[in-house]
PDB file of N, CA and C in Angstrom:
ATOM      1  N   MET A   1      71.990 201.779   3.157  1.00  0.00           N
ATOM      2  CA  MET A   1      73.326 201.250   2.927  1.00  0.00           C
ATOM      3  C   MET A   1      73.848 200.666   4.245  1.00  0.00           C
ATOM      4  N   ALA A   2      74.415 199.474   4.194  1.00  0.00           N
ATOM      5  CA  ALA A   2      74.948 198.829   5.393  1.00  0.00           C
ATOM      6  C   ALA A   2      76.150 199.602   5.913  1.00  0.00           C
ATOM      7  N   ASP A   3      76.393 199.480   7.225  1.00  0.00           N
ATOM      8  CA  ASP A   3      77.503 200.200   7.852  1.00  0.00           C
ATOM      9  C   ASP A   3      78.827 199.956   7.138  1.00  0.00           C
ATOM     10  N   ASN A   4      79.088 198.697   6.783  1.00  0.00           N
ATOM     11  CA  ASN A   4      80.356 198.376   6.132  1.00  0.00           C
ATOM     12  C   ASN A   4      80.465 199.064   4.775  1.00  0.00           C
ATOM     13  N   ALA A   5      79.381 199.148   4.053  1.00  0.00           N
ATOM     14  CA  ALA A   5      79.394 199.818   2.750  1.00  0.00           C
ATOM     15  C   ALA A   5      79.655 201.313   2.924  1.00  0.00           C
ATOM     16  N   ILE A   6      79.082 201.908   3.959  1.00  0.00           N
ATOM     17  CA  ILE A   6      79.329 203.324   4.245  1.00  0.00           C
ATOM     18  C   ILE A   6      80.798 203.526   4.594  1.00  0.00           C
ATOM     19  N   PHE A   7      81.328 202.628   5.428  1.00  0.00           N
ATOM     20  CA  PHE A   7      82.748 202.678   5.795  1.00  0.00           C
ATOM     21  C   PHE A   7      83.631 202.626   4.547  1.00  0.00           C
ATOM     22  N   LEU A   8      83.358 201.689   3.658  1.00  0.00           N
ATOM     23  CA  LEU A   8      84.162 201.546   2.441  1.00  0.00           C
ATOM     24  C   LEU A   8      84.070 202.796   1.570  1.00  0.00           C
ATOM     25  N   HIS A   9      82.883 203.374   1.487  1.00  0.00           N
ATOM     26  CA  HIS A   9      82.709 204.610   0.725  1.00  0.00           C
ATOM     27  C   HIS A   9      83.526 205.746   1.347  1.00  0.00           C
ATOM     28  N   CYS A  10      83.437 205.886   2.672  1.00  0.00           N
ATOM     29  CA  CYS A  10      84.181 206.953   3.363  1.00  0.00           C
ATOM     30  C   CYS A  10      85.683 206.754   3.211  1.00  0.00           C
ATOM     31  N   LEU A  11      86.145 205.513   3.357  1.00  0.00           N
ATOM     32  CA  LEU A  11      87.567 205.214   3.208  1.00  0.00           C
ATOM     33  C   LEU A  11      88.041 205.579   1.803  1.00  0.00           C
ATOM     34  N   SER A  12      87.254 205.221   0.814  1.00  0.00           N
ATOM     35  CA  SER A  12      87.658 205.492  -0.573  1.00  0.00           C
ATOM     36  C   SER A  12      87.656 206.981  -0.903  1.00  0.00           C
ATOM     37  N   SER A  13      86.973 207.781  -0.092  1.00  0.00           N
ATOM     38  CA  SER A  13      86.873 209.215  -0.386  1.00  0.00           C
ATOM     39  C   SER A  13      87.998 210.057   0.222  1.00  0.00           C
ATOM     40  N   ILE A  14      88.901 209.443   0.986  1.00  0.00           N
ATOM     41  CA  ILE A  14      90.019 210.200   1.566  1.00  0.00           C
ATOM     42  C   ILE A  14      90.959 210.586   0.420  1.00  0.00           C
ATOM     43  N   PRO A  15      91.150 211.874   0.201  1.00  0.00           N
ATOM     44  CA  PRO A  15      91.955 212.311  -0.950  1.00  0.00           C
ATOM     45  C   PRO A  15      93.443 211.961  -0.825  1.00  0.00           C
ATOM     46  N   LYS A  16      94.067 211.797  -1.959  1.00  0.00           N
ATOM     47  CA  LYS A  16      95.510 211.574  -2.024  1.00  0.00           C
ATOM     48  C   LYS A  16      96.221 212.752  -1.360  1.00  0.00           C
ATOM     49  N   GLY A  17      97.237 212.439  -0.560  1.00  0.00           N
ATOM     50  CA  GLY A  17      97.997 213.481   0.118  1.00  0.00           C
ATOM     51  C   GLY A  17      97.355 213.986   1.395  1.00  0.00           C
ATOM     52  N   ARG A  18      96.278 213.346   1.825  1.00  0.00           N
ATOM     53  CA  ARG A  18      95.579 213.723   3.053  1.00  0.00           C
ATOM     54  C   ARG A  18      95.441 212.474   3.916  1.00  0.00           C
ATOM     55  N   PHE A  19      95.064 212.637   5.175  1.00  0.00           N
ATOM     56  CA  PHE A  19      94.828 211.502   6.061  1.00  0.00           C
ATOM     57  C   PHE A  19      93.676 211.825   6.990  1.00  0.00           C
ATOM     58  N   THR A  20      93.148 210.791   7.617  1.00  0.00           N
ATOM     59  CA  THR A  20      92.129 210.963   8.645  1.00  0.00           C
ATOM     60  C   THR A  20      92.462 210.035   9.800  1.00  0.00           C
ATOM     61  N   THR A  21      91.675 210.108  10.855  1.00  0.00           N
ATOM     62  CA  THR A  21      91.903 209.265  12.026  1.00  0.00           C
ATOM     63  C   THR A  21      90.851 208.161  12.087  1.00  0.00           C
ATOM     64  N   TYR A  22      91.132 207.156  12.904  1.00  0.00           N
ATOM     65  CA  TYR A  22      90.155 206.091  13.126  1.00  0.00           C
ATOM     66  C   TYR A  22      88.849 206.696  13.631  1.00  0.00           C
ATOM     67  N   GLY A  23      88.957 207.640  14.558  1.00  0.00           N
ATOM     68  CA  GLY A  23      87.773 208.270  15.134  1.00  0.00           C
ATOM     69  C   GLY A  23      86.969 209.057  14.121  1.00  0.00           C
ATOM     70  N   GLN A  24      87.646 209.821  13.278  1.00  0.00           N
ATOM     71  CA  GLN A  24      86.941 210.607  12.262  1.00  0.00           C
ATOM     72  C   GLN A  24      86.289 209.693  11.239  1.00  0.00           C
ATOM     73  N   LEU A  25      86.980 208.626  10.856  1.00  0.00           N
ATOM     74  CA  LEU A  25      86.411 207.672   9.907  1.00  0.00           C
ATOM     75  C   LEU A  25      85.190 206.991  10.516  1.00  0.00           C
ATOM     76  N   ALA A  26      85.252 206.681  11.806  1.00  0.00           N
ATOM     77  CA  ALA A  26      84.104 206.086  12.498  1.00  0.00           C
ATOM     78  C   ALA A  26      82.928 207.051  12.505  1.00  0.00           C
ATOM     79  N   LYS A  27      83.203 208.299  12.807  1.00  0.00           N
ATOM     80  CA  LYS A  27      82.150 209.322  12.833  1.00  0.00           C
ATOM     81  C   LYS A  27      81.486 209.450  11.462  1.00  0.00           C
ATOM     82  N   MET A  28      82.290 209.511  10.410  1.00  0.00           N
ATOM     83  CA  MET A  28      81.747 209.620   9.052  1.00  0.00           C
ATOM     84  C   MET A  28      80.948 208.376   8.666  1.00  0.00           C
ATOM     85  N   SER A  29      81.368 207.213   9.202  1.00  0.00           N
ATOM     86  CA  SER A  29      80.722 205.942   8.868  1.00  0.00           C
ATOM     87  C   SER A  29      79.516 205.647   9.748  1.00  0.00           C
ATOM     88  N   GLY A  30      79.367 206.399  10.839  1.00  0.00           N
ATOM     89  CA  GLY A  30      78.240 206.188  11.741  1.00  0.00           C
ATOM     90  C   GLY A  30      78.379 204.962  12.624  1.00  0.00           C
ATOM     91  N   VAL A  31      79.624 204.615  12.956  1.00  0.00           N
ATOM     92  CA  VAL A  31      79.874 203.450  13.810  1.00  0.00           C
ATOM     93  C   VAL A  31      80.808 203.837  14.952  1.00  0.00           C
ATOM     94  N   HIS A  32      80.952 202.936  15.920  1.00  0.00           N
ATOM     95  CA  HIS A  32      81.886 203.151  17.021  1.00  0.00           C
ATOM     96  C   HIS A  32      83.305 202.987  16.487  1.00  0.00           C
ATOM     97  N   VAL A  33      84.217 203.754  17.040  1.00  0.00           N
ATOM     98  CA  VAL A  33      85.611 203.730  16.588  1.00  0.00           C
ATOM     99  C   VAL A  33      86.216 202.326  16.658  1.00  0.00           C
ATOM    100  N   ARG A  34      85.765 201.514  17.595  1.00  0.00           N
ATOM    101  CA  ARG A  34      86.323 200.156  17.727  1.00  0.00           C
ATOM    102  C   ARG A  34      85.982 199.253  16.548  1.00  0.00           C
ATOM    103  N   GLN A  35      85.050 199.656  15.719  1.00  0.00           N
ATOM    104  CA  GLN A  35      84.691 198.858  14.548  1.00  0.00           C
ATOM    105  C   GLN A  35      85.647 199.089  13.379  1.00  0.00           C
ATOM    106  N   ILE A  36      86.340 200.202  13.375  1.00  0.00           N
ATOM    107  CA  ILE A  36      87.169 200.569  12.225  1.00  0.00           C
ATOM    108  C   ILE A  36      88.355 199.628  12.026  1.00  0.00           C
ATOM    109  N   MET A  37      89.104 199.345  13.063  1.00  0.00           N
ATOM    110  CA  MET A  37      90.285 198.487  12.919  1.00  0.00           C
ATOM    111  C   MET A  37      89.923 197.091  12.403  1.00  0.00           C
ATOM    112  N   PRO A  38      88.898 196.431  12.944  1.00  0.00           N
ATOM    113  CA  PRO A  38      88.547 195.123  12.372  1.00  0.00           C
ATOM    114  C   PRO A  38      88.194 195.192  10.885  1.00  0.00           C
ATOM    115  N   TRP A  39      87.491 196.241  10.483  1.00  0.00           N
ATOM    116  CA  TRP A  39      87.157 196.375   9.066  1.00  0.00           C
ATOM    117  C   TRP A  39      88.404 196.624   8.229  1.00  0.00           C
ATOM    118  N   LEU A  40      89.326 197.427   8.734  1.00  0.00           N
ATOM    119  CA  LEU A  40      90.575 197.651   8.004  1.00  0.00           C
ATOM    120  C   LEU A  40      91.363 196.350   7.874  1.00  0.00           C
ATOM    121  N   LYS A  41      91.371 195.555   8.933  1.00  0.00           N
ATOM    122  CA  LYS A  41      92.096 194.278   8.904  1.00  0.00           C
ATOM    123  C   LYS A  41      91.476 193.291   7.925  1.00  0.00           C
ATOM    124  N   GLN A  42      90.187 193.434   7.642  1.00  0.00           N
ATOM    125  CA  GLN A  42      89.498 192.523   6.726  1.00  0.00           C
ATOM    126  C   GLN A  42      89.726 192.870   5.253  1.00  0.00           C
ATOM    127  N   LEU A  43      90.304 194.022   4.985  1.00  0.00           N
ATOM    128  CA  LEU A  43      90.558 194.386   3.590  1.00  0.00           C
ATOM    129  C   LEU A  43      91.553 193.404   2.973  1.00  0.00           C
ATOM    130  N   PRO A  44      91.346 193.011   1.734  1.00  0.00           N
ATOM    131  CA  PRO A  44      92.306 192.114   1.082  1.00  0.00           C
ATOM    132  C   PRO A  44      93.681 192.777   0.960  1.00  0.00           C
ATOM    133  N   ASN A  45      94.715 191.973   0.947  1.00  0.00           N
ATOM    134  CA  ASN A  45      96.079 192.498   0.835  1.00  0.00           C
ATOM    135  C   ASN A  45      96.280 193.329  -0.423  1.00  0.00           C
ATOM    136  N   ASP A  46      95.556 193.004  -1.469  1.00  0.00           N
ATOM    137  CA  ASP A  46      95.710 193.733  -2.729  1.00  0.00           C
ATOM    138  C   ASP A  46      94.649 194.827  -2.908  1.00  0.00           C
ATOM    139  N   SER A  47      94.038 195.237  -1.812  1.00  0.00           N
ATOM    140  CA  SER A  47      92.993 196.259  -1.872  1.00  0.00           C
ATOM    141  C   SER A  47      93.541 197.574  -2.431  1.00  0.00           C
ATOM    142  N   SER A  48      92.755 198.199  -3.288  1.00  0.00           N
ATOM    143  CA  SER A  48      93.144 199.508  -3.825  1.00  0.00           C
ATOM    144  C   SER A  48      92.639 200.647  -2.943  1.00  0.00           C
ATOM    145  N   LEU A  49      91.914 200.312  -1.877  1.00  0.00           N
ATOM    146  CA  LEU A  49      91.419 201.343  -0.961  1.00  0.00           C
ATOM    147  C   LEU A  49      92.576 201.922  -0.150  1.00  0.00           C
ATOM    148  N   PRO A  50      92.545 203.207   0.147  1.00  0.00           N
ATOM    149  CA  PRO A  50      93.660 203.867   0.840  1.00  0.00           C
ATOM    150  C   PRO A  50      93.654 203.660   2.358  1.00  0.00           C
ATOM    151  N   TRP A  51      93.775 202.423   2.797  1.00  0.00           N
ATOM    152  CA  TRP A  51      93.790 202.074   4.221  1.00  0.00           C
ATOM    153  C   TRP A  51      94.902 202.813   4.958  1.00  0.00           C
ATOM    154  N   TYR A  52      95.976 203.077   4.248  1.00  0.00           N
ATOM    155  CA  TYR A  52      97.168 203.686   4.843  1.00  0.00           C
ATOM    156  C   TYR A  52      96.968 205.161   5.183  1.00  0.00           C
ATOM    157  N   ARG A  53      95.880 205.751   4.743  1.00  0.00           N
ATOM    158  CA  ARG A  53      95.589 207.157   5.052  1.00  0.00           C
ATOM    159  C   ARG A  53      94.833 207.319   6.372  1.00  0.00           C
ATOM    160  N   VAL A  54      94.732 206.257   7.146  1.00  0.00           N
ATOM    161  CA  VAL A  54      94.030 206.293   8.433  1.00  0.00           C
ATOM    162  C   VAL A  54      95.051 206.086   9.544  1.00  0.00           C
ATOM    163  N   MET A  55      95.037 206.976  10.528  1.00  0.00           N
ATOM    164  CA  MET A  55      95.980 206.862  11.645  1.00  0.00           C
ATOM    165  C   MET A  55      95.306 207.202  12.964  1.00  0.00           C
ATOM    166  N   ASN A  56      96.066 207.168  14.036  1.00  0.00           N
ATOM    167  CA  ASN A  56      95.474 207.369  15.359  1.00  0.00           C
ATOM    168  C   ASN A  56      95.191 208.841  15.652  1.00  0.00           C
ATOM    169  N   SER A  57      94.574 209.084  16.787  1.00  0.00           N
ATOM    170  CA  SER A  57      94.131 210.435  17.152  1.00  0.00           C
ATOM    171  C   SER A  57      95.282 211.397  17.424  1.00  0.00           C
ATOM    172  N   GLN A  58      96.485 210.866  17.574  1.00  0.00           N
ATOM    173  CA  GLN A  58      97.665 211.714  17.767  1.00  0.00           C
ATOM    174  C   GLN A  58      98.304 212.082  16.428  1.00  0.00           C
ATOM    175  N   PHE A  59      97.632 211.707  15.337  1.00  0.00           N
ATOM    176  CA  PHE A  59      98.132 211.923  13.974  1.00  0.00           C
ATOM    177  C   PHE A  59      99.430 211.154  13.735  1.00  0.00           C
ATOM    178  N   LYS A  60      99.500 209.970  14.327  1.00  0.00           N
ATOM    179  CA  LYS A  60     100.658 209.094  14.166  1.00  0.00           C
ATOM    180  C   LYS A  60     100.196 207.743  13.642  1.00  0.00           C
ATOM    181  N   ILE A  61     101.114 207.021  13.025  1.00  0.00           N
ATOM    182  CA  ILE A  61     100.829 205.667  12.567  1.00  0.00           C
ATOM    183  C   ILE A  61     100.814 204.748  13.776  1.00  0.00           C
ATOM    184  N   SER A  62      99.757 203.947  13.889  1.00  0.00           N
ATOM    185  CA  SER A  62      99.667 202.989  14.986  1.00  0.00           C
ATOM    186  C   SER A  62     100.614 201.823  14.739  1.00  0.00           C
ATOM    187  N   SER A  63     100.972 201.147  15.799  1.00  0.00           N
ATOM    188  CA  SER A  63     101.855 199.991  15.702  1.00  0.00           C
ATOM    189  C   SER A  63     101.074 198.800  15.137  1.00  0.00           C
ATOM    190  N   HIS A  64     101.506 198.298  13.993  1.00  0.00           N
ATOM    191  CA  HIS A  64     100.892 197.127  13.367  1.00  0.00           C
ATOM    192  C   HIS A  64     101.882 196.551  12.357  1.00  0.00           C
ATOM    193  N   PRO A  65     101.647 195.330  11.885  1.00  0.00           N
ATOM    194  CA  PRO A  65     102.605 194.679  10.988  1.00  0.00           C
ATOM    195  C   PRO A  65     102.916 195.436   9.694  1.00  0.00           C
ATOM    196  N   ASN A  66     101.999 196.256   9.212  1.00  0.00           N
ATOM    197  CA  ASN A  66     102.211 196.961   7.941  1.00  0.00           C
ATOM    198  C   ASN A  66     102.581 198.428   8.118  1.00  0.00           C
ATOM    199  N   GLN A  67     103.070 198.803   9.285  1.00  0.00           N
ATOM    200  CA  GLN A  67     103.336 200.223   9.529  1.00  0.00           C
ATOM    201  C   GLN A  67     104.454 200.771   8.641  1.00  0.00           C
ATOM    202  N   GLN A  68     105.447 199.979   8.302  1.00  0.00           N
ATOM    203  CA  GLN A  68     106.504 200.454   7.394  1.00  0.00           C
ATOM    204  C   GLN A  68     105.935 200.719   6.004  1.00  0.00           C
ATOM    205  N   GLN A  69     105.078 199.815   5.544  1.00  0.00           N
ATOM    206  CA  GLN A  69     104.426 200.001   4.250  1.00  0.00           C
ATOM    207  C   GLN A  69     103.539 201.243   4.289  1.00  0.00           C
ATOM    208  N   GLN A  70     102.825 201.445   5.392  1.00  0.00           N
ATOM    209  CA  GLN A  70     101.974 202.620   5.536  1.00  0.00           C
ATOM    210  C   GLN A  70     102.806 203.896   5.448  1.00  0.00           C
ATOM    211  N   HIS A  71     103.916 203.922   6.160  1.00  0.00           N
ATOM    212  CA  HIS A  71     104.793 205.095   6.127  1.00  0.00           C
ATOM    213  C   HIS A  71     105.287 205.358   4.702  1.00  0.00           C
ATOM    214  N   GLN A  72     105.682 204.313   4.004  1.00  0.00           N
ATOM    215  CA  GLN A  72     106.190 204.450   2.637  1.00  0.00           C
ATOM    216  C   GLN A  72     105.114 204.975   1.690  1.00  0.00           C
ATOM    217  N   LEU A  73     103.901 204.425   1.790  1.00  0.00           N
ATOM    218  CA  LEU A  73     102.814 204.861   0.912  1.00  0.00           C
ATOM    219  C   LEU A  73     102.439 206.319   1.170  1.00  0.00           C
ATOM    220  N   LEU A  74     102.442 206.721   2.433  1.00  0.00           N
ATOM    221  CA  LEU A  74     102.156 208.120   2.761  1.00  0.00           C
ATOM    222  C   LEU A  74     103.259 209.032   2.219  1.00  0.00           C
ATOM    223  N   ALA A  75     104.507 208.593   2.365  1.00  0.00           N
ATOM    224  CA  ALA A  75     105.635 209.387   1.865  1.00  0.00           C
ATOM    225  C   ALA A  75     105.551 209.564   0.350  1.00  0.00           C
ATOM    226  N   GLU A  76     105.111 208.528  -0.353  1.00  0.00           N
ATOM    227  CA  GLU A  76     104.955 208.612  -1.807  1.00  0.00           C
ATOM    228  C   GLU A  76     103.918 209.659  -2.204  1.00  0.00           C
ATOM    229  N   GLU A  77     103.005 209.968  -1.285  1.00  0.00           N
ATOM    230  CA  GLU A  77     101.985 210.994  -1.535  1.00  0.00           C
ATOM    231  C   GLU A  77     102.406 212.351  -0.980  1.00  0.00           C
ATOM    232  N   GLY A  78     103.628 212.427  -0.472  1.00  0.00           N
ATOM    233  CA  GLY A  78     104.132 213.692   0.052  1.00  0.00           C
ATOM    234  C   GLY A  78     103.840 213.933   1.516  1.00  0.00           C
ATOM    235  N   LEU A  79     103.312 212.938   2.203  1.00  0.00           N
ATOM    236  CA  LEU A  79     103.025 213.072   3.630  1.00  0.00           C
ATOM    237  C   LEU A  79     104.206 212.551   4.440  1.00  0.00           C
ATOM    238  N   LEU A  80     104.840 213.435   5.182  1.00  0.00           N
ATOM    239  CA  LEU A  80     105.992 213.067   5.994  1.00  0.00           C
ATOM    240  C   LEU A  80     105.764 213.507   7.432  1.00  0.00           C
ATOM    241  N   PRO A  81     106.112 212.643   8.384  1.00  0.00           N
ATOM    242  CA  PRO A  81     105.934 213.006   9.789  1.00  0.00           C
ATOM    243  C   PRO A  81     107.055 213.913  10.274  1.00  0.00           C
ATOM    244  N   ASN A  82     106.800 214.566  11.414  1.00  0.00           N
ATOM    245  CA  ASN A  82     107.879 215.334  12.040  1.00  0.00           C
ATOM    246  C   ASN A  82     108.775 214.374  12.826  1.00  0.00           C
ATOM    247  N   LYS A  83     109.707 214.903  13.587  1.00  0.00           N
ATOM    248  CA  LYS A  83     110.680 214.066  14.306  1.00  0.00           C
ATOM    249  C   LYS A  83     110.039 213.160  15.348  1.00  0.00           C
ATOM    250  N   THR A  84     108.854 213.516  15.827  1.00  0.00           N
ATOM    251  CA  THR A  84     108.168 212.688  16.827  1.00  0.00           C
ATOM    252  C   THR A  84     107.197 211.702  16.193  1.00  0.00           C
ATOM    253  N   GLY A  85     107.128 211.680  14.863  1.00  0.00           N
ATOM    254  CA  GLY A  85     106.257 210.744  14.162  1.00  0.00           C
ATOM    255  C   GLY A  85     104.864 211.268  13.887  1.00  0.00           C
ATOM    256  N   LYS A  86     104.618 212.530  14.219  1.00  0.00           N
ATOM    257  CA  LYS A  86     103.299 213.128  14.016  1.00  0.00           C
ATOM    258  C   LYS A  86     103.201 213.718  12.609  1.00  0.00           C
ATOM    259  N   TYR A  87     102.053 213.457  11.960  1.00  0.00           N
ATOM    260  CA  TYR A  87     101.817 213.995  10.622  1.00  0.00           C
ATOM    261  C   TYR A  87     101.184 215.375  10.727  1.00  0.00           C
ATOM    262  N   PRO A  88     101.414 216.243   9.736  1.00  0.00           N
ATOM    263  CA  PRO A  88     100.974 217.641   9.824  1.00  0.00           C
ATOM    264  C   PRO A  88      99.453 217.804   9.852  1.00  0.00           C
ATOM    265  N   VAL A  89      98.986 218.587  10.806  1.00  0.00           N
ATOM    266  CA  VAL A  89      97.555 218.836  10.967  1.00  0.00           C
ATOM    267  C   VAL A  89      96.955 219.450   9.703  1.00  0.00           C
ATOM    268  N   GLU A  90      97.748 220.150   8.934  1.00  0.00           N
ATOM    269  CA  GLU A  90      97.260 220.769   7.698  1.00  0.00           C
ATOM    270  C   GLU A  90      96.806 219.730   6.668  1.00  0.00           C
ATOM    271  N   GLN A  91      97.290 218.515   6.792  1.00  0.00           N
ATOM    272  CA  GLN A  91      96.934 217.454   5.852  1.00  0.00           C
ATOM    273  C   GLN A  91      95.773 216.602   6.361  1.00  0.00           C
ATOM    274  N   PHE A  92      95.263 216.930   7.552  1.00  0.00           N
ATOM    275  CA  PHE A  92      94.137 216.178   8.119  1.00  0.00           C
ATOM    276  C   PHE A  92      92.890 216.416   7.278  1.00  0.00           C
ATOM    277  N   TRP A  93      92.126 215.352   7.072  1.00  0.00           N
ATOM    278  CA  TRP A  93      90.891 215.436   6.292  1.00  0.00           C
ATOM    279  C   TRP A  93      89.767 214.786   7.055  1.00  0.00           C
ATOM    280  N   PRO A  94      88.569 215.256   7.037  1.00  0.00           N
ATOM    281  CA  PRO A  94      88.070 216.441   6.359  1.00  0.00           C
ATOM    282  C   PRO A  94      88.254 217.668   7.208  1.00  0.00           C
TER     283      PRO A  94
END
């Protein structure tokens, strides 16, 4: 299976109400962490894949044009950050 296909499989397997980091997704996909963001950016705007369940190593949403949408989608799944913007470690996956 090509690296991108593995990445897409791993991304699709993040459960609702949970999140992972760019680094963890890279590890699961067998690629360098720097490959994850370009692949996420290549997803179509209408993608049903849970791109919004991926955040930085501090368990925070990274700064990007869709960060408000990401926050909203996570909130709809019951994921809410603390006052500093950090998401609960208990919801980290895997």
